[in-house]
């Protein structure tokens, strides 16, 4: 399982750069900017209200990002994965996030 670092601060599942989900979905592809964390859930003010479990550094990643070097049969094979928010983001939807580890 990859080590996941998430810098999307406005996601309900983010706790101190780690994800509370045991598994996430990454979709999109062709370029890094066309990828997104499909598991993103926008925070509505209550800090990390959806974290019911302790976050883990290792997270299973279902990869649907077309053309990614690390995508093997819809499974991410990268050792470390970074999910980040777009530069000018308000982070209200999946499209405001991206997989910074995407490699063509």
PDB file of N, CA and C in Angstrom:
ATOM      1  N   UNK A   1       0.839  -1.186   0.000  1.00  0.00           N
ATOM      2  CA  UNK A   1       0.000   0.000   0.000  1.00  0.00           C
ATOM      3  C   UNK A   1       0.880   1.243   0.000  1.00  0.00           C
ATOM      4  N   UNK A   2       0.531   2.226  -0.801  1.00  0.00           N
ATOM      5  CA  UNK A   2       1.321   3.461  -0.846  1.00  0.00           C
ATOM      6  C   UNK A   2       1.217   4.280   0.455  1.00  0.00           C
ATOM      7  N   UNK A   3       2.252   5.045   0.700  1.00  0.00           N
ATOM      8  CA  UNK A   3       2.218   6.025   1.770  1.00  0.00           C
ATOM      9  C   UNK A   3       1.533   7.254   1.183  1.00  0.00           C
ATOM     10  N   UNK A   4       0.437   7.674   1.787  1.00  0.00           N
ATOM     11  CA  UNK A   4      -0.354   8.790   1.259  1.00  0.00           C
ATOM     12  C   UNK A   4      -0.155  10.043   2.091  1.00  0.00           C
ATOM     13  N   UNK A   5       0.191  11.124   1.414  1.00  0.00           N
ATOM     14  CA  UNK A   5       0.270  12.441   2.041  1.00  0.00           C
ATOM     15  C   UNK A   5      -0.786  13.307   1.365  1.00  0.00           C
ATOM     16  N   UNK A   6      -1.682  13.886   2.154  1.00  0.00           N
ATOM     17  CA  UNK A   6      -2.747  14.725   1.597  1.00  0.00           C
ATOM     18  C   UNK A   6      -2.626  16.144   2.134  1.00  0.00           C
ATOM     19  N   UNK A   7      -2.508  17.094   1.236  1.00  0.00           N
ATOM     20  CA  UNK A   7      -2.420  18.497   1.654  1.00  0.00           C
ATOM     21  C   UNK A   7      -3.713  19.261   1.365  1.00  0.00           C
ATOM     22  N   UNK A   8      -4.805  18.528   1.109  1.00  0.00           N
ATOM     23  CA  UNK A   8      -6.105  19.153   0.862  1.00  0.00           C
ATOM     24  C   UNK A   8      -6.754  19.429   2.224  1.00  0.00           C
ATOM     25  N   UNK A   9      -6.496  20.595   2.748  1.00  0.00           N
ATOM     26  CA  UNK A   9      -6.926  20.946   4.102  1.00  0.00           C
ATOM     27  C   UNK A   9      -8.439  21.033   4.252  1.00  0.00           C
ATOM     28  N   UNK A  10      -9.155  21.301   3.172  1.00  0.00           N
ATOM     29  CA  UNK A  10     -10.608  21.459   3.266  1.00  0.00           C
ATOM     30  C   UNK A  10     -11.371  20.168   2.986  1.00  0.00           C
ATOM     31  N   UNK A  11     -10.700  19.025   3.187  1.00  0.00           N
ATOM     32  CA  UNK A  11     -11.364  17.732   3.019  1.00  0.00           C
ATOM     33  C   UNK A  11     -11.714  17.179   4.398  1.00  0.00           C
ATOM     34  N   UNK A  12     -12.913  16.671   4.528  1.00  0.00           N
ATOM     35  CA  UNK A  12     -13.366  16.090   5.797  1.00  0.00           C
ATOM     36  C   UNK A  12     -12.523  14.902   6.246  1.00  0.00           C
ATOM     37  N   UNK A  13     -11.844  14.247   5.325  1.00  0.00           N
ATOM     38  CA  UNK A  13     -11.073  13.060   5.669  1.00  0.00           C
ATOM     39  C   UNK A  13      -9.612  13.370   6.008  1.00  0.00           C
ATOM     40  N   UNK A  14      -9.189  14.609   5.854  1.00  0.00           N
ATOM     41  CA  UNK A  14      -7.807  14.984   6.124  1.00  0.00           C
ATOM     42  C   UNK A  14      -7.608  15.299   7.603  1.00  0.00           C
ATOM     43  N   UNK A  15      -6.643  14.626   8.188  1.00  0.00           N
ATOM     44  CA  UNK A  15      -6.256  14.943   9.560  1.00  0.00           C
ATOM     45  C   UNK A  15      -4.733  15.012   9.595  1.00  0.00           C
ATOM     46  N   UNK A  16      -4.230  16.226   9.711  1.00  0.00           N
ATOM     47  CA  UNK A  16      -2.782  16.481   9.794  1.00  0.00           C
ATOM     48  C   UNK A  16      -2.007  15.866   8.638  1.00  0.00           C
ATOM     49  N   UNK A  17      -2.560  15.976   7.427  1.00  0.00           N
ATOM     50  CA  UNK A  17      -1.890  15.496   6.232  1.00  0.00           C
ATOM     51  C   UNK A  17      -2.069  14.016   5.943  1.00  0.00           C
ATOM     52  N   UNK A  18      -2.831  13.339   6.793  1.00  0.00           N
ATOM     53  CA  UNK A  18      -3.124  11.924   6.582  1.00  0.00           C
ATOM     54  C   UNK A  18      -4.609  11.765   6.295  1.00  0.00           C
ATOM     55  N   UNK A  19      -4.964  10.649   5.665  1.00  0.00           N
ATOM     56  CA  UNK A  19      -6.355  10.404   5.306  1.00  0.00           C
ATOM     57  C   UNK A  19      -6.979   9.406   6.279  1.00  0.00           C
ATOM     58  N   UNK A  20      -8.195   9.692   6.711  1.00  0.00           N
ATOM     59  CA  UNK A  20      -8.926   8.795   7.613  1.00  0.00           C
ATOM     60  C   UNK A  20      -9.511   7.595   6.891  1.00  0.00           C
ATOM     61  N   UNK A  21      -9.591   7.666   5.571  1.00  0.00           N
ATOM     62  CA  UNK A  21     -10.115   6.535   4.800  1.00  0.00           C
ATOM     63  C   UNK A  21      -9.032   5.480   4.611  1.00  0.00           C
ATOM     64  N   UNK A  22      -9.398   4.238   4.627  1.00  0.00           N
ATOM     65  CA  UNK A  22      -8.434   3.148   4.398  1.00  0.00           C
ATOM     66  C   UNK A  22      -8.168   2.968   2.912  1.00  0.00           C
ATOM     67  N   UNK A  23      -9.067   3.507   2.077  1.00  0.00           N
ATOM     68  CA  UNK A  23      -8.946   3.371   0.635  1.00  0.00           C
ATOM     69  C   UNK A  23      -9.520   4.617  -0.034  1.00  0.00           C
ATOM     70  N   UNK A  24      -8.842   5.123  -1.055  1.00  0.00           N
ATOM     71  CA  UNK A  24      -9.359   6.264  -1.824  1.00  0.00           C
ATOM     72  C   UNK A  24      -9.371   5.907  -3.304  1.00  0.00           C
ATOM     73  N   UNK A  25     -10.129   6.688  -4.073  1.00  0.00           N
ATOM     74  CA  UNK A  25     -10.187   6.537  -5.525  1.00  0.00           C
ATOM     75  C   UNK A  25      -9.581   7.772  -6.170  1.00  0.00           C
ATOM     76  N   UNK A  26      -8.681   7.548  -7.116  1.00  0.00           N
ATOM     77  CA  UNK A  26      -8.114   8.637  -7.908  1.00  0.00           C
ATOM     78  C   UNK A  26      -8.599   8.439  -9.332  1.00  0.00           C
ATOM     79  N   UNK A  27      -9.129   9.488  -9.933  1.00  0.00           N
ATOM     80  CA  UNK A  27      -9.646   9.369 -11.296  1.00  0.00           C
ATOM     81  C   UNK A  27      -9.033  10.436 -12.189  1.00  0.00           C
ATOM     82  N   UNK A  28      -9.413  10.406 -13.457  1.00  0.00           N
ATOM     83  CA  UNK A  28      -8.910  11.383 -14.430  1.00  0.00           C
ATOM     84  C   UNK A  28      -7.778  10.813 -15.244  1.00  0.00           C
ATOM     85  N   UNK A  29      -6.820  11.679 -15.566  1.00  0.00           N
ATOM     86  CA  UNK A  29      -5.638  11.217 -16.268  1.00  0.00           C
ATOM     87  C   UNK A  29      -5.244  12.053 -17.451  1.00  0.00           C
ATOM     88  N   UNK A  30      -4.360  11.518 -18.257  1.00  0.00           N
ATOM     89  CA  UNK A  30      -3.727  12.147 -19.413  1.00  0.00           C
ATOM     90  C   UNK A  30      -2.654  13.137 -18.941  1.00  0.00           C
ATOM     91  N   UNK A  31      -2.974  14.009 -17.967  1.00  0.00           N
ATOM     92  CA  UNK A  31      -1.997  14.903 -17.352  1.00  0.00           C
ATOM     93  C   UNK A  31      -2.276  14.968 -15.856  1.00  0.00           C
ATOM     94  N   UNK A  32      -1.307  15.442 -15.106  1.00  0.00           N
ATOM     95  CA  UNK A  32      -1.460  15.576 -13.653  1.00  0.00           C
ATOM     96  C   UNK A  32      -2.631  16.480 -13.299  1.00  0.00           C
ATOM     97  N   UNK A  33      -2.804  17.558 -14.046  1.00  0.00           N
ATOM     98  CA  UNK A  33      -3.869  18.510 -13.753  1.00  0.00           C
ATOM     99  C   UNK A  33      -5.262  17.960 -14.037  1.00  0.00           C
ATOM    100  N   UNK A  34      -5.356  16.864 -14.761  1.00  0.00           N
ATOM    101  CA  UNK A  34      -6.653  16.253 -15.046  1.00  0.00           C
ATOM    102  C   UNK A  34      -7.019  15.145 -14.070  1.00  0.00           C
ATOM    103  N   UNK A  35      -6.181  14.918 -13.066  1.00  0.00           N
ATOM    104  CA  UNK A  35      -6.486  13.897 -12.070  1.00  0.00           C
ATOM    105  C   UNK A  35      -7.235  14.530 -10.899  1.00  0.00           C
ATOM    106  N   UNK A  36      -7.873  13.706 -10.092  1.00  0.00           N
ATOM    107  CA  UNK A  36      -8.520  14.207  -8.883  1.00  0.00           C
ATOM    108  C   UNK A  36      -8.743  13.075  -7.897  1.00  0.00           C
ATOM    109  N   UNK A  37      -8.905  13.437  -6.636  1.00  0.00           N
ATOM    110  CA  UNK A  37      -9.243  12.470  -5.597  1.00  0.00           C
ATOM    111  C   UNK A  37     -10.767  12.367  -5.580  1.00  0.00           C
ATOM    112  N   UNK A  38     -11.282  11.288  -6.137  1.00  0.00           N
ATOM    113  CA  UNK A  38     -12.731  11.101  -6.219  1.00  0.00           C
ATOM    114  C   UNK A  38     -13.353  10.833  -4.853  1.00  0.00           C
ATOM    115  N   UNK A  39     -12.530  10.581  -3.847  1.00  0.00           N
ATOM    116  CA  UNK A  39     -13.024  10.337  -2.487  1.00  0.00           C
ATOM    117  C   UNK A  39     -13.127  11.630  -1.678  1.00  0.00           C
ATOM    118  N   UNK A  40     -12.746  12.747  -2.268  1.00  0.00           N
ATOM    119  CA  UNK A  40     -12.793  14.043  -1.594  1.00  0.00           C
ATOM    120  C   UNK A  40     -14.194  14.364  -1.077  1.00  0.00           C
ATOM    121  N   UNK A  41     -14.257  14.871   0.145  1.00  0.00           N
ATOM    122  CA  UNK A  41     -15.513  15.320   0.743  1.00  0.00           C
ATOM    123  C   UNK A  41     -15.256  16.697   1.355  1.00  0.00           C
ATOM    124  N   UNK A  42     -15.903  17.744   0.832  1.00  0.00           N
ATOM    125  CA  UNK A  42     -15.609  19.102   1.313  1.00  0.00           C
ATOM    126  C   UNK A  42     -15.990  19.311   2.775  1.00  0.00           C
ATOM    127  N   UNK A  43     -15.124  20.004   3.465  1.00  0.00           N
ATOM    128  CA  UNK A  43     -15.377  20.374   4.856  1.00  0.00           C
ATOM    129  C   UNK A  43     -16.286  21.591   4.869  1.00  0.00           C
ATOM    130  N   UNK A  44     -17.253  21.597   5.755  1.00  0.00           N
ATOM    131  CA  UNK A  44     -18.188  22.722   5.847  1.00  0.00           C
ATOM    132  C   UNK A  44     -18.029  23.459   7.165  1.00  0.00           C
ATOM    133  N   UNK A  45     -16.784  23.684   7.551  1.00  0.00           N
ATOM    134  CA  UNK A  45     -16.527  24.437   8.763  1.00  0.00           C
ATOM    135  C   UNK A  45     -16.135  23.603   9.956  1.00  0.00           C
ATOM    136  N   UNK A  46     -16.817  22.501  10.194  1.00  0.00           N
ATOM    137  CA  UNK A  46     -16.462  21.633  11.311  1.00  0.00           C
ATOM    138  C   UNK A  46     -15.206  20.864  10.910  1.00  0.00           C
ATOM    139  N   UNK A  47     -14.132  21.101  11.576  1.00  0.00           N
ATOM    140  CA  UNK A  47     -12.837  20.542  11.218  1.00  0.00           C
ATOM    141  C   UNK A  47     -12.837  19.012  11.276  1.00  0.00           C
ATOM    142  N   UNK A  48     -12.568  18.411  10.113  1.00  0.00           N
ATOM    143  CA  UNK A  48     -12.415  16.964   9.989  1.00  0.00           C
ATOM    144  C   UNK A  48     -13.535  16.176  10.659  1.00  0.00           C
ATOM    145  N   UNK A  49     -14.755  16.599  10.482  1.00  0.00           N
ATOM    146  CA  UNK A  49     -15.881  15.980  11.169  1.00  0.00           C
ATOM    147  C   UNK A  49     -16.150  14.539  10.743  1.00  0.00           C
ATOM    148  N   UNK A  50     -15.627  14.104   9.596  1.00  0.00           N
ATOM    149  CA  UNK A  50     -15.913  12.757   9.119  1.00  0.00           C
ATOM    150  C   UNK A  50     -14.836  11.741   9.522  1.00  0.00           C
ATOM    151  N   UNK A  51     -13.847  12.177  10.285  1.00  0.00           N
ATOM    152  CA  UNK A  51     -12.787  11.264  10.715  1.00  0.00           C
ATOM    153  C   UNK A  51     -13.259  10.460  11.911  1.00  0.00           C
ATOM    154  N   UNK A  52     -13.752   9.265  11.644  1.00  0.00           N
ATOM    155  CA  UNK A  52     -14.211   8.416  12.737  1.00  0.00           C
ATOM    156  C   UNK A  52     -13.151   7.385  13.118  1.00  0.00           C
ATOM    157  N   UNK A  53     -12.099   7.292  12.306  1.00  0.00           N
ATOM    158  CA  UNK A  53     -11.017   6.370  12.622  1.00  0.00           C
ATOM    159  C   UNK A  53      -9.695   7.127  12.598  1.00  0.00           C
ATOM    160  N   UNK A  54      -8.685   6.529  13.170  1.00  0.00           N
ATOM    161  CA  UNK A  54      -7.372   7.154  13.153  1.00  0.00           C
ATOM    162  C   UNK A  54      -6.788   7.079  11.754  1.00  0.00           C
ATOM    163  N   UNK A  55      -6.217   8.184  11.274  1.00  0.00           N
ATOM    164  CA  UNK A  55      -5.628   8.153   9.945  1.00  0.00           C
ATOM    165  C   UNK A  55      -4.387   7.266   9.924  1.00  0.00           C
ATOM    166  N   UNK A  56      -4.076   6.762   8.754  1.00  0.00           N
ATOM    167  CA  UNK A  56      -2.923   5.894   8.581  1.00  0.00           C
ATOM    168  C   UNK A  56      -2.021   6.463   7.497  1.00  0.00           C
ATOM    169  N   UNK A  57      -0.737   6.207   7.600  1.00  0.00           N
ATOM    170  CA  UNK A  57       0.170   6.670   6.544  1.00  0.00           C
ATOM    171  C   UNK A  57       0.005   5.828   5.288  1.00  0.00           C
ATOM    172  N   UNK A  58      -0.409   4.581   5.428  1.00  0.00           N
ATOM    173  CA  UNK A  58      -0.599   3.696   4.275  1.00  0.00           C
ATOM    174  C   UNK A  58      -2.077   3.626   3.904  1.00  0.00           C
ATOM    175  N   UNK A  59      -2.366   3.883   2.633  1.00  0.00           N
ATOM    176  CA  UNK A  59      -3.738   3.900   2.153  1.00  0.00           C
ATOM    177  C   UNK A  59      -3.826   3.153   0.829  1.00  0.00           C
ATOM    178  N   UNK A  60      -4.805   2.306   0.694  1.00  0.00           N
ATOM    179  CA  UNK A  60      -5.046   1.609  -0.561  1.00  0.00           C
ATOM    180  C   UNK A  60      -5.593   2.619  -1.566  1.00  0.00           C
ATOM    181  N   UNK A  61      -5.054   2.636  -2.775  1.00  0.00           N
ATOM    182  CA  UNK A  61      -5.483   3.619  -3.772  1.00  0.00           C
ATOM    183  C   UNK A  61      -5.955   2.911  -5.034  1.00  0.00           C
ATOM    184  N   UNK A  62      -7.241   3.061  -5.312  1.00  0.00           N
ATOM    185  CA  UNK A  62      -7.804   2.568  -6.565  1.00  0.00           C
ATOM    186  C   UNK A  62      -7.527   3.649  -7.601  1.00  0.00           C
ATOM    187  N   UNK A  63      -6.761   3.312  -8.602  1.00  0.00           N
ATOM    188  CA  UNK A  63      -6.341   4.310  -9.594  1.00  0.00           C
ATOM    189  C   UNK A  63      -7.084   4.121 -10.911  1.00  0.00           C
ATOM    190  N   UNK A  64      -7.844   5.122 -11.269  1.00  0.00           N
ATOM    191  CA  UNK A  64      -8.529   5.133 -12.555  1.00  0.00           C
ATOM    192  C   UNK A  64      -7.959   6.227 -13.457  1.00  0.00           C
ATOM    193  N   UNK A  65      -6.770   6.735 -13.079  1.00  0.00           N
ATOM    194  CA  UNK A  65      -6.113   7.793 -13.855  1.00  0.00           C
ATOM    195  C   UNK A  65      -5.493   7.177 -15.110  1.00  0.00           C
ATOM    196  N   UNK A  66      -6.065   7.522 -16.236  1.00  0.00           N
ATOM    197  CA  UNK A  66      -5.584   7.006 -17.509  1.00  0.00           C
ATOM    198  C   UNK A  66      -4.149   7.466 -17.743  1.00  0.00           C
ATOM    199  N   UNK A  67      -3.371   6.607 -18.323  1.00  0.00           N
ATOM    200  CA  UNK A  67      -2.001   6.913 -18.733  1.00  0.00           C
ATOM    201  C   UNK A  67      -1.019   7.134 -17.586  1.00  0.00           C
ATOM    202  N   UNK A  68      -1.369   6.807 -16.356  1.00  0.00           N
ATOM    203  CA  UNK A  68      -0.424   6.984 -15.265  1.00  0.00           C
ATOM    204  C   UNK A  68       0.519   5.779 -15.206  1.00  0.00           C
ATOM    205  N   UNK A  69       1.776   6.062 -15.101  1.00  0.00           N
ATOM    206  CA  UNK A  69       2.811   5.040 -15.017  1.00  0.00           C
ATOM    207  C   UNK A  69       2.568   4.078 -13.842  1.00  0.00           C
ATOM    208  N   UNK A  70       1.999   4.577 -12.757  1.00  0.00           N
ATOM    209  CA  UNK A  70       1.794   3.785 -11.541  1.00  0.00           C
ATOM    210  C   UNK A  70       0.470   3.011 -11.521  1.00  0.00           C
ATOM    211  N   UNK A  71      -0.351   3.180 -12.535  1.00  0.00           N
ATOM    212  CA  UNK A  71      -1.644   2.491 -12.594  1.00  0.00           C
ATOM    213  C   UNK A  71      -1.454   1.100 -13.185  1.00  0.00           C
ATOM    214  N   UNK A  72      -1.634   0.084 -12.354  1.00  0.00           N
ATOM    215  CA  UNK A  72      -1.580  -1.295 -12.831  1.00  0.00           C
ATOM    216  C   UNK A  72      -2.888  -1.982 -12.473  1.00  0.00           C
ATOM    217  N   UNK A  73      -3.710  -2.188 -13.476  1.00  0.00           N
ATOM    218  CA  UNK A  73      -5.016  -2.830 -13.301  1.00  0.00           C
ATOM    219  C   UNK A  73      -5.844  -2.124 -12.238  1.00  0.00           C
ATOM    220  N   UNK A  74      -5.894  -0.794 -12.334  1.00  0.00           N
ATOM    221  CA  UNK A  74      -6.676   0.077 -11.445  1.00  0.00           C
ATOM    222  C   UNK A  74      -6.154   0.089 -10.004  1.00  0.00           C
ATOM    223  N   UNK A  75      -4.894  -0.229  -9.814  1.00  0.00           N
ATOM    224  CA  UNK A  75      -4.275  -0.200  -8.492  1.00  0.00           C
ATOM    225  C   UNK A  75      -3.012   0.653  -8.584  1.00  0.00           C
ATOM    226  N   UNK A  76      -2.846   1.565  -7.625  1.00  0.00           N
ATOM    227  CA  UNK A  76      -1.668   2.426  -7.621  1.00  0.00           C
ATOM    228  C   UNK A  76      -0.475   1.659  -7.067  1.00  0.00           C
ATOM    229  N   UNK A  77       0.643   1.687  -7.803  1.00  0.00           N
ATOM    230  CA  UNK A  77       1.842   0.967  -7.389  1.00  0.00           C
ATOM    231  C   UNK A  77       2.958   1.890  -6.903  1.00  0.00           C
ATOM    232  N   UNK A  78       2.694   3.186  -6.828  1.00  0.00           N
ATOM    233  CA  UNK A  78       3.713   4.122  -6.337  1.00  0.00           C
ATOM    234  C   UNK A  78       3.966   3.864  -4.856  1.00  0.00           C
ATOM    235  N   UNK A  79       5.194   4.083  -4.415  1.00  0.00           N
ATOM    236  CA  UNK A  79       5.507   3.896  -2.998  1.00  0.00           C
ATOM    237  C   UNK A  79       4.943   5.030  -2.163  1.00  0.00           C
ATOM    238  N   UNK A  80       4.999   6.258  -2.706  1.00  0.00           N
ATOM    239  CA  UNK A  80       4.481   7.436  -2.003  1.00  0.00           C
ATOM    240  C   UNK A  80       3.577   8.207  -2.954  1.00  0.00           C
ATOM    241  N   UNK A  81       2.436   8.655  -2.443  1.00  0.00           N
ATOM    242  CA  UNK A  81       1.475   9.405  -3.254  1.00  0.00           C
ATOM    243  C   UNK A  81       1.118  10.692  -2.524  1.00  0.00           C
ATOM    244  N   UNK A  82       1.064  11.766  -3.291  1.00  0.00           N
ATOM    245  CA  UNK A  82       0.701  13.060  -2.732  1.00  0.00           C
ATOM    246  C   UNK A  82      -0.549  13.585  -3.427  1.00  0.00           C
ATOM    247  N   UNK A  83      -1.577  13.852  -2.635  1.00  0.00           N
ATOM    248  CA  UNK A  83      -2.796  14.476  -3.145  1.00  0.00           C
ATOM    249  C   UNK A  83      -2.761  15.929  -2.682  1.00  0.00           C
ATOM    250  N   UNK A  84      -2.978  16.838  -3.611  1.00  0.00           N
ATOM    251  CA  UNK A  84      -2.924  18.257  -3.249  1.00  0.00           C
ATOM    252  C   UNK A  84      -4.098  19.001  -3.868  1.00  0.00           C
ATOM    253  N   UNK A  85      -4.279  20.223  -3.416  1.00  0.00           N
ATOM    254  CA  UNK A  85      -5.343  21.054  -3.977  1.00  0.00           C
ATOM    255  C   UNK A  85      -4.764  21.939  -5.062  1.00  0.00           C
ATOM    256  N   UNK A  86      -5.596  22.322  -5.983  1.00  0.00           N
ATOM    257  CA  UNK A  86      -5.172  23.202  -7.060  1.00  0.00           C
ATOM    258  C   UNK A  86      -4.724  24.541  -6.476  1.00  0.00           C
ATOM    259  N   UNK A  87      -3.926  25.263  -7.212  1.00  0.00           N
ATOM    260  CA  UNK A  87      -3.318  26.483  -6.698  1.00  0.00           C
ATOM    261  C   UNK A  87      -4.299  27.522  -6.183  1.00  0.00           C
ATOM    262  N   UNK A  88      -5.339  27.796  -6.911  1.00  0.00           N
ATOM    263  CA  UNK A  88      -6.278  28.848  -6.517  1.00  0.00           C
ATOM    264  C   UNK A  88      -7.596  28.260  -6.001  1.00  0.00           C
ATOM    265  N   UNK A  89      -7.496  27.153  -5.310  1.00  0.00           N
ATOM    266  CA  UNK A  89      -8.693  26.376  -4.946  1.00  0.00           C
ATOM    267  C   UNK A  89      -9.476  26.896  -3.760  1.00  0.00           C
ATOM    268  N   UNK A  90     -10.754  26.682  -3.899  1.00  0.00           N
ATOM    269  CA  UNK A  90     -11.666  26.815  -2.769  1.00  0.00           C
ATOM    270  C   UNK A  90     -11.980  25.421  -2.246  1.00  0.00           C
ATOM    271  N   UNK A  91     -11.603  24.437  -3.011  1.00  0.00           N
ATOM    272  CA  UNK A  91     -11.825  23.016  -2.699  1.00  0.00           C
ATOM    273  C   UNK A  91     -13.258  22.737  -2.305  1.00  0.00           C
ATOM    274  N   UNK A  92     -14.112  22.754  -3.302  1.00  0.00           N
ATOM    275  CA  UNK A  92     -15.516  22.437  -3.075  1.00  0.00           C
ATOM    276  C   UNK A  92     -15.934  21.158  -3.790  1.00  0.00           C
ATOM    277  N   UNK A  93     -15.054  20.643  -4.657  1.00  0.00           N
ATOM    278  CA  UNK A  93     -15.372  19.408  -5.379  1.00  0.00           C
ATOM    279  C   UNK A  93     -14.086  18.645  -5.695  1.00  0.00           C
ATOM    280  N   UNK A  94     -14.272  17.434  -6.151  1.00  0.00           N
ATOM    281  CA  UNK A  94     -13.150  16.572  -6.539  1.00  0.00           C
ATOM    282  C   UNK A  94     -12.231  17.272  -7.538  1.00  0.00           C
ATOM    283  N   UNK A  95     -12.794  18.006  -8.468  1.00  0.00           N
ATOM    284  CA  UNK A  95     -11.987  18.640  -9.512  1.00  0.00           C
ATOM    285  C   UNK A  95     -11.038  19.710  -8.963  1.00  0.00           C
ATOM    286  N   UNK A  96     -11.188  20.061  -7.702  1.00  0.00           N
ATOM    287  CA  UNK A  96     -10.289  21.027  -7.076  1.00  0.00           C
ATOM    288  C   UNK A  96      -9.068  20.355  -6.446  1.00  0.00           C
ATOM    289  N   UNK A  97      -8.959  19.042  -6.606  1.00  0.00           N
ATOM    290  CA  UNK A  97      -7.824  18.288  -6.081  1.00  0.00           C
ATOM    291  C   UNK A  97      -7.073  17.645  -7.234  1.00  0.00           C
ATOM    292  N   UNK A  98      -5.853  17.171  -6.987  1.00  0.00           N
ATOM    293  CA  UNK A  98      -5.126  16.440  -8.010  1.00  0.00           C
ATOM    294  C   UNK A  98      -4.116  15.496  -7.372  1.00  0.00           C
ATOM    295  N   UNK A  99      -3.753  14.486  -8.119  1.00  0.00           N
ATOM    296  CA  UNK A  99      -2.722  13.551  -7.681  1.00  0.00           C
ATOM    297  C   UNK A  99      -1.387  14.095  -8.177  1.00  0.00           C
ATOM    298  N   UNK A 100      -0.595  14.588  -7.251  1.00  0.00           N
ATOM    299  CA  UNK A 100       0.687  15.207  -7.592  1.00  0.00           C
ATOM    300  C   UNK A 100       1.727  14.161  -7.973  1.00  0.00           C
ATOM    301  N   UNK A 101       1.434  12.900  -7.760  1.00  0.00           N
ATOM    302  CA  UNK A 101       2.363  11.824  -8.069  1.00  0.00           C
ATOM    303  C   UNK A 101       2.181  11.300  -9.493  1.00  0.00           C
ATOM    304  N   UNK A 102       1.109  11.693 -10.149  1.00  0.00           N
ATOM    305  CA  UNK A 102       0.835  11.231 -11.520  1.00  0.00           C
ATOM    306  C   UNK A 102       2.069  11.388 -12.389  1.00  0.00           C
ATOM    307  N   UNK A 103       2.393  10.315 -13.106  1.00  0.00           N
ATOM    308  CA  UNK A 103       3.540  10.323 -14.016  1.00  0.00           C
ATOM    309  C   UNK A 103       3.113   9.651 -15.315  1.00  0.00           C
ATOM    310  N   UNK A 104       3.270  10.341 -16.415  1.00  0.00           N
ATOM    311  CA  UNK A 104       2.863   9.830 -17.737  1.00  0.00           C
ATOM    312  C   UNK A 104       3.717   8.643 -18.126  1.00  0.00           C
TER     313      UNK A 104
END
